[in-house]
Amino acid sequence: MSALGQKIIAEIRKVAADNPDFIYQAPYGDACFYVFNGQPSCIVGRALWNLGFIDKTLEKGSDNSIRAHVFLDKHFALDLYERDWIDRVQWHQDAKRTWGQAVEVASR
C-alpha cells in the first residue's frame, strides 16, 4: 500500500463518517462530478479537495466526471487495491447508497 493511497482512503472514510446518511444526487443525470459550482461534489471529489489535490479549476476540465479508477490512474500512483477500493466507494455512491454504506460495502 502507498502512503498517498492510504491518505486518500483515510480522507474518504472521514468524509463518509462526517456525513454517513448523505445520498449524492448527481447534478445531471447519473454523472458524478468531482467539482460542481466551484465546490467539491462527490465523495471522492470532497476527499481530494480536502487534501488539496483538486480545486475549482477541475470543473472546467474533461476529467471532472470520468470514472474514479480512470481519474486516479491519470493523476495518482496508487496500488491496485487502493484504486479499486476508491472506485467501489464511488460506484456505490453513484448507486444511491449513503456515503456510510458506500464505504462499508467497499470495505467488505
N, C-alpha and C. Protein backbone atom coordinates (compact mmCIF):
# COMPACT_ATOMS: atom_id res chain seq x y z
N MET A 1 0.84 -1.18 0.00
CA MET A 1 0.00 0.00 0.00
C MET A 1 0.88 1.25 0.00
N SER A 2 0.39 2.27 -0.66
CA SER A 2 1.16 3.51 -0.74
C SER A 2 0.70 4.50 0.33
N ALA A 3 1.60 5.37 0.73
CA ALA A 3 1.24 6.41 1.70
C ALA A 3 0.18 7.34 1.11
N LEU A 4 0.32 7.67 -0.17
CA LEU A 4 -0.65 8.53 -0.83
C LEU A 4 -2.03 7.89 -0.87
N GLY A 5 -2.09 6.63 -1.27
CA GLY A 5 -3.37 5.92 -1.33
C GLY A 5 -4.03 5.83 0.03
N GLN A 6 -3.26 5.55 1.05
CA GLN A 6 -3.80 5.45 2.40
C GLN A 6 -4.31 6.80 2.89
N LYS A 7 -3.64 7.86 2.48
CA LYS A 7 -4.07 9.21 2.85
C LYS A 7 -5.43 9.53 2.20
N ILE A 8 -5.58 9.18 0.93
CA ILE A 8 -6.85 9.43 0.23
C ILE A 8 -7.96 8.57 0.82
N ILE A 9 -7.68 7.30 1.07
CA ILE A 9 -8.69 6.41 1.66
C ILE A 9 -9.11 6.91 3.04
N ALA A 10 -8.15 7.32 3.85
CA ALA A 10 -8.48 7.84 5.19
C ALA A 10 -9.38 9.07 5.08
N GLU A 11 -9.12 9.92 4.11
CA GLU A 11 -9.95 11.13 3.96
C GLU A 11 -11.34 10.77 3.45
N ILE A 12 -11.45 9.80 2.56
CA ILE A 12 -12.78 9.34 2.12
C ILE A 12 -13.56 8.78 3.31
N ARG A 13 -12.89 8.00 4.14
CA ARG A 13 -13.55 7.47 5.34
C ARG A 13 -14.01 8.60 6.26
N LYS A 14 -13.21 9.65 6.39
CA LYS A 14 -13.58 10.79 7.23
C LYS A 14 -14.79 11.52 6.64
N VAL A 15 -14.77 11.75 5.34
CA VAL A 15 -15.91 12.42 4.68
C VAL A 15 -17.18 11.61 4.92
N ALA A 16 -17.09 10.30 4.76
CA ALA A 16 -18.26 9.44 4.98
C ALA A 16 -18.69 9.46 6.45
N ALA A 17 -17.74 9.43 7.36
CA ALA A 17 -18.08 9.44 8.79
C ALA A 17 -18.73 10.76 9.20
N ASP A 18 -18.32 11.84 8.56
CA ASP A 18 -18.91 13.15 8.86
C ASP A 18 -20.31 13.31 8.26
N ASN A 19 -20.61 12.52 7.22
CA ASN A 19 -21.90 12.61 6.51
C ASN A 19 -22.42 11.22 6.18
N PRO A 20 -22.59 10.33 7.17
CA PRO A 20 -22.88 8.93 6.88
C PRO A 20 -24.22 8.69 6.18
N ASP A 21 -25.18 9.55 6.36
CA ASP A 21 -26.50 9.35 5.77
C ASP A 21 -26.72 10.13 4.48
N PHE A 22 -25.67 10.81 4.01
CA PHE A 22 -25.79 11.63 2.80
C PHE A 22 -25.91 10.75 1.58
N ILE A 23 -26.87 11.06 0.72
CA ILE A 23 -27.04 10.37 -0.56
C ILE A 23 -26.73 11.39 -1.66
N TYR A 24 -25.73 11.10 -2.44
CA TYR A 24 -25.29 12.01 -3.50
C TYR A 24 -26.33 12.06 -4.61
N GLN A 25 -26.68 13.27 -5.00
CA GLN A 25 -27.58 13.48 -6.13
C GLN A 25 -26.77 14.11 -7.25
N ALA A 26 -26.60 13.38 -8.33
CA ALA A 26 -25.83 13.89 -9.46
C ALA A 26 -26.54 15.12 -10.05
N PRO A 27 -25.78 16.16 -10.35
CA PRO A 27 -26.39 17.38 -10.89
C PRO A 27 -27.07 17.18 -12.24
N TYR A 28 -26.54 16.27 -13.05
CA TYR A 28 -27.11 16.00 -14.38
C TYR A 28 -27.17 14.49 -14.59
N GLY A 29 -28.35 13.94 -14.72
CA GLY A 29 -28.49 12.51 -14.97
C GLY A 29 -27.79 11.69 -13.90
N ASP A 30 -26.99 10.74 -14.33
CA ASP A 30 -26.27 9.88 -13.39
C ASP A 30 -24.79 10.24 -13.30
N ALA A 31 -24.38 11.31 -13.97
CA ALA A 31 -22.96 11.67 -13.99
C ALA A 31 -22.52 12.24 -12.66
N CYS A 32 -21.48 11.67 -12.12
CA CYS A 32 -20.88 12.16 -10.89
C CYS A 32 -19.85 13.23 -11.26
N PHE A 33 -19.79 14.28 -10.47
CA PHE A 33 -18.82 15.34 -10.69
C PHE A 33 -17.94 15.47 -9.45
N TYR A 34 -16.65 15.62 -9.68
CA TYR A 34 -15.73 15.84 -8.57
C TYR A 34 -15.90 17.25 -8.03
N VAL A 35 -16.13 18.21 -8.94
CA VAL A 35 -16.34 19.60 -8.58
C VAL A 35 -17.58 20.09 -9.33
N PHE A 36 -18.46 20.80 -8.62
CA PHE A 36 -19.66 21.36 -9.25
C PHE A 36 -19.95 22.71 -8.61
N ASN A 37 -20.22 23.70 -9.44
CA ASN A 37 -20.45 25.07 -8.96
C ASN A 37 -19.30 25.58 -8.08
N GLY A 38 -18.08 25.22 -8.47
CA GLY A 38 -16.90 25.71 -7.76
C GLY A 38 -16.65 25.08 -6.42
N GLN A 39 -17.36 23.99 -6.10
CA GLN A 39 -17.23 23.32 -4.81
C GLN A 39 -17.04 21.82 -5.01
N PRO A 40 -16.46 21.14 -4.03
CA PRO A 40 -16.36 19.67 -4.15
C PRO A 40 -17.76 19.07 -4.18
N SER A 41 -17.92 17.99 -4.91
CA SER A 41 -19.27 17.44 -5.10
C SER A 41 -19.39 16.00 -4.59
N CYS A 42 -18.85 15.04 -5.31
CA CYS A 42 -18.99 13.63 -4.91
C CYS A 42 -18.04 13.31 -3.75
N ILE A 43 -18.16 12.11 -3.22
CA ILE A 43 -17.35 11.73 -2.06
C ILE A 43 -15.85 11.74 -2.36
N VAL A 44 -15.47 11.23 -3.52
CA VAL A 44 -14.04 11.24 -3.88
C VAL A 44 -13.59 12.68 -4.13
N GLY A 45 -14.43 13.46 -4.78
CA GLY A 45 -14.11 14.87 -5.01
C GLY A 45 -13.90 15.63 -3.71
N ARG A 46 -14.76 15.37 -2.74
CA ARG A 46 -14.61 16.05 -1.45
C ARG A 46 -13.31 15.66 -0.75
N ALA A 47 -12.98 14.38 -0.80
CA ALA A 47 -11.74 13.92 -0.16
C ALA A 47 -10.52 14.54 -0.85
N LEU A 48 -10.50 14.50 -2.18
CA LEU A 48 -9.36 15.06 -2.91
C LEU A 48 -9.26 16.57 -2.71
N TRP A 49 -10.40 17.24 -2.63
CA TRP A 49 -10.44 18.69 -2.37
C TRP A 49 -9.88 18.99 -0.98
N ASN A 50 -10.35 18.23 0.02
CA ASN A 50 -9.90 18.45 1.40
C ASN A 50 -8.38 18.29 1.53
N LEU A 51 -7.84 17.38 0.73
CA LEU A 51 -6.40 17.12 0.77
C LEU A 51 -5.61 18.10 -0.10
N GLY A 52 -6.30 18.96 -0.82
CA GLY A 52 -5.62 19.94 -1.67
C GLY A 52 -5.17 19.40 -3.02
N PHE A 53 -5.68 18.24 -3.43
CA PHE A 53 -5.28 17.64 -4.70
C PHE A 53 -6.08 18.17 -5.89
N ILE A 54 -7.28 18.67 -5.64
CA ILE A 54 -8.08 19.28 -6.70
C ILE A 54 -8.64 20.61 -6.18
N ASP A 55 -9.06 21.43 -7.11
CA ASP A 55 -9.71 22.68 -6.75
C ASP A 55 -10.75 23.02 -7.83
N LYS A 56 -11.27 24.23 -7.79
CA LYS A 56 -12.36 24.59 -8.69
C LYS A 56 -11.96 24.58 -10.17
N THR A 57 -10.67 24.62 -10.46
CA THR A 57 -10.25 24.59 -11.87
C THR A 57 -10.57 23.26 -12.54
N LEU A 58 -10.70 22.19 -11.77
CA LEU A 58 -11.04 20.89 -12.34
C LEU A 58 -12.41 20.91 -13.02
N GLU A 59 -13.30 21.76 -12.54
CA GLU A 59 -14.67 21.80 -13.06
C GLU A 59 -14.70 22.06 -14.57
N LYS A 60 -13.79 22.82 -15.07
CA LYS A 60 -13.78 23.15 -16.49
C LYS A 60 -13.04 22.11 -17.34
N GLY A 61 -12.44 21.13 -16.70
CA GLY A 61 -11.66 20.12 -17.42
C GLY A 61 -12.48 18.89 -17.77
N SER A 62 -11.98 18.13 -18.71
CA SER A 62 -12.68 16.92 -19.17
C SER A 62 -12.63 15.79 -18.16
N ASP A 63 -11.76 15.87 -17.16
CA ASP A 63 -11.65 14.81 -16.16
C ASP A 63 -12.66 14.94 -15.02
N ASN A 64 -13.47 15.96 -15.02
CA ASN A 64 -14.35 16.25 -13.89
C ASN A 64 -15.43 15.20 -13.66
N SER A 65 -15.77 14.43 -14.66
CA SER A 65 -16.84 13.45 -14.45
C SER A 65 -16.49 12.06 -14.97
N ILE A 66 -15.20 11.76 -15.08
CA ILE A 66 -14.81 10.42 -15.52
C ILE A 66 -14.83 9.46 -14.32
N ARG A 67 -14.91 8.17 -14.62
CA ARG A 67 -14.92 7.15 -13.56
C ARG A 67 -13.71 7.31 -12.65
N ALA A 68 -13.91 6.99 -11.39
CA ALA A 68 -12.87 7.20 -10.38
C ALA A 68 -11.58 6.47 -10.73
N HIS A 69 -11.67 5.21 -11.18
CA HIS A 69 -10.42 4.47 -11.46
C HIS A 69 -9.66 5.11 -12.62
N VAL A 70 -10.37 5.67 -13.60
CA VAL A 70 -9.70 6.33 -14.72
C VAL A 70 -9.05 7.63 -14.23
N PHE A 71 -9.78 8.40 -13.44
CA PHE A 71 -9.24 9.64 -12.89
C PHE A 71 -8.00 9.35 -12.04
N LEU A 72 -8.10 8.37 -11.18
CA LEU A 72 -6.97 8.04 -10.30
C LEU A 72 -5.76 7.58 -11.09
N ASP A 73 -5.97 6.75 -12.11
CA ASP A 73 -4.86 6.27 -12.93
C ASP A 73 -4.16 7.42 -13.65
N LYS A 74 -4.92 8.43 -14.05
CA LYS A 74 -4.34 9.57 -14.77
C LYS A 74 -3.57 10.51 -13.86
N HIS A 75 -3.97 10.61 -12.59
CA HIS A 75 -3.43 11.66 -11.74
C HIS A 75 -2.62 11.19 -10.52
N PHE A 76 -2.71 9.92 -10.17
CA PHE A 76 -2.06 9.44 -8.95
C PHE A 76 -1.43 8.07 -9.18
N ALA A 77 -0.37 7.79 -8.45
CA ALA A 77 0.27 6.48 -8.49
C ALA A 77 -0.19 5.68 -7.27
N LEU A 78 -1.30 4.98 -7.43
CA LEU A 78 -1.85 4.17 -6.35
C LEU A 78 -1.70 2.71 -6.70
N ASP A 79 -1.71 1.86 -5.68
CA ASP A 79 -1.70 0.45 -6.00
C ASP A 79 -3.11 -0.01 -6.38
N LEU A 80 -3.19 -1.20 -6.92
CA LEU A 80 -4.46 -1.71 -7.44
C LEU A 80 -5.54 -1.78 -6.37
N TYR A 81 -5.20 -2.24 -5.17
CA TYR A 81 -6.18 -2.33 -4.10
C TYR A 81 -6.75 -0.95 -3.77
N GLU A 82 -5.88 0.03 -3.63
CA GLU A 82 -6.33 1.38 -3.28
C GLU A 82 -7.23 1.95 -4.36
N ARG A 83 -6.79 1.84 -5.60
CA ARG A 83 -7.58 2.35 -6.71
C ARG A 83 -8.95 1.67 -6.78
N ASP A 84 -8.97 0.35 -6.64
CA ASP A 84 -10.23 -0.38 -6.72
C ASP A 84 -11.15 -0.06 -5.55
N TRP A 85 -10.60 0.10 -4.35
CA TRP A 85 -11.43 0.44 -3.19
C TRP A 85 -12.09 1.79 -3.40
N ILE A 86 -11.33 2.77 -3.83
CA ILE A 86 -11.87 4.11 -4.07
C ILE A 86 -12.92 4.06 -5.17
N ASP A 87 -12.66 3.31 -6.23
CA ASP A 87 -13.62 3.18 -7.33
C ASP A 87 -14.91 2.53 -6.84
N ARG A 88 -14.80 1.51 -5.98
CA ARG A 88 -16.01 0.85 -5.44
C ARG A 88 -16.82 1.81 -4.58
N VAL A 89 -16.17 2.62 -3.76
CA VAL A 89 -16.88 3.62 -2.97
C VAL A 89 -17.66 4.54 -3.90
N GLN A 90 -16.98 5.03 -4.92
CA GLN A 90 -17.63 5.94 -5.87
C GLN A 90 -18.81 5.25 -6.56
N TRP A 91 -18.62 4.01 -6.96
CA TRP A 91 -19.69 3.28 -7.65
C TRP A 91 -20.91 3.12 -6.74
N HIS A 92 -20.68 2.74 -5.49
CA HIS A 92 -21.81 2.56 -4.56
C HIS A 92 -22.47 3.89 -4.25
N GLN A 93 -21.70 4.98 -4.19
CA GLN A 93 -22.30 6.30 -4.03
C GLN A 93 -23.21 6.59 -5.22
N ASP A 94 -22.72 6.31 -6.42
CA ASP A 94 -23.50 6.59 -7.63
C ASP A 94 -24.73 5.69 -7.74
N ALA A 95 -24.71 4.56 -7.02
CA ALA A 95 -25.86 3.65 -7.00
C ALA A 95 -26.86 4.05 -5.92
N LYS A 96 -26.71 5.27 -5.38
CA LYS A 96 -27.63 5.88 -4.42
C LYS A 96 -27.56 5.27 -3.02
N ARG A 97 -26.43 4.72 -2.67
CA ARG A 97 -26.21 4.31 -1.28
C ARG A 97 -25.74 5.54 -0.50
N THR A 98 -25.98 5.53 0.79
CA THR A 98 -25.45 6.63 1.60
C THR A 98 -23.93 6.54 1.58
N TRP A 99 -23.29 7.64 1.95
CA TRP A 99 -21.83 7.61 1.97
C TRP A 99 -21.33 6.61 3.00
N GLY A 100 -22.01 6.47 4.11
CA GLY A 100 -21.62 5.47 5.10
C GLY A 100 -21.72 4.06 4.54
N GLN A 101 -22.81 3.78 3.83
CA GLN A 101 -22.98 2.46 3.20
C GLN A 101 -21.95 2.23 2.12
N ALA A 102 -21.66 3.24 1.32
CA ALA A 102 -20.70 3.09 0.23
C ALA A 102 -19.33 2.66 0.77
N VAL A 103 -18.89 3.29 1.84
CA VAL A 103 -17.61 2.92 2.44
C VAL A 103 -17.69 1.53 3.06
N GLU A 104 -18.78 1.26 3.75
CA GLU A 104 -18.94 -0.06 4.39
C GLU A 104 -18.91 -1.19 3.37
N VAL A 105 -19.69 -1.05 2.30
CA VAL A 105 -19.76 -2.11 1.29
C VAL A 105 -18.44 -2.25 0.56
N ALA A 106 -17.78 -1.15 0.23
CA ALA A 106 -16.49 -1.23 -0.45
C ALA A 106 -15.42 -1.89 0.42
N SER A 107 -15.57 -1.81 1.71
CA SER A 107 -14.59 -2.35 2.64
C SER A 107 -14.75 -3.86 2.88
N ARG A 108 -15.81 -4.43 2.43
CA ARG A 108 -16.02 -5.86 2.64
C ARG A 108 -15.11 -6.70 1.80
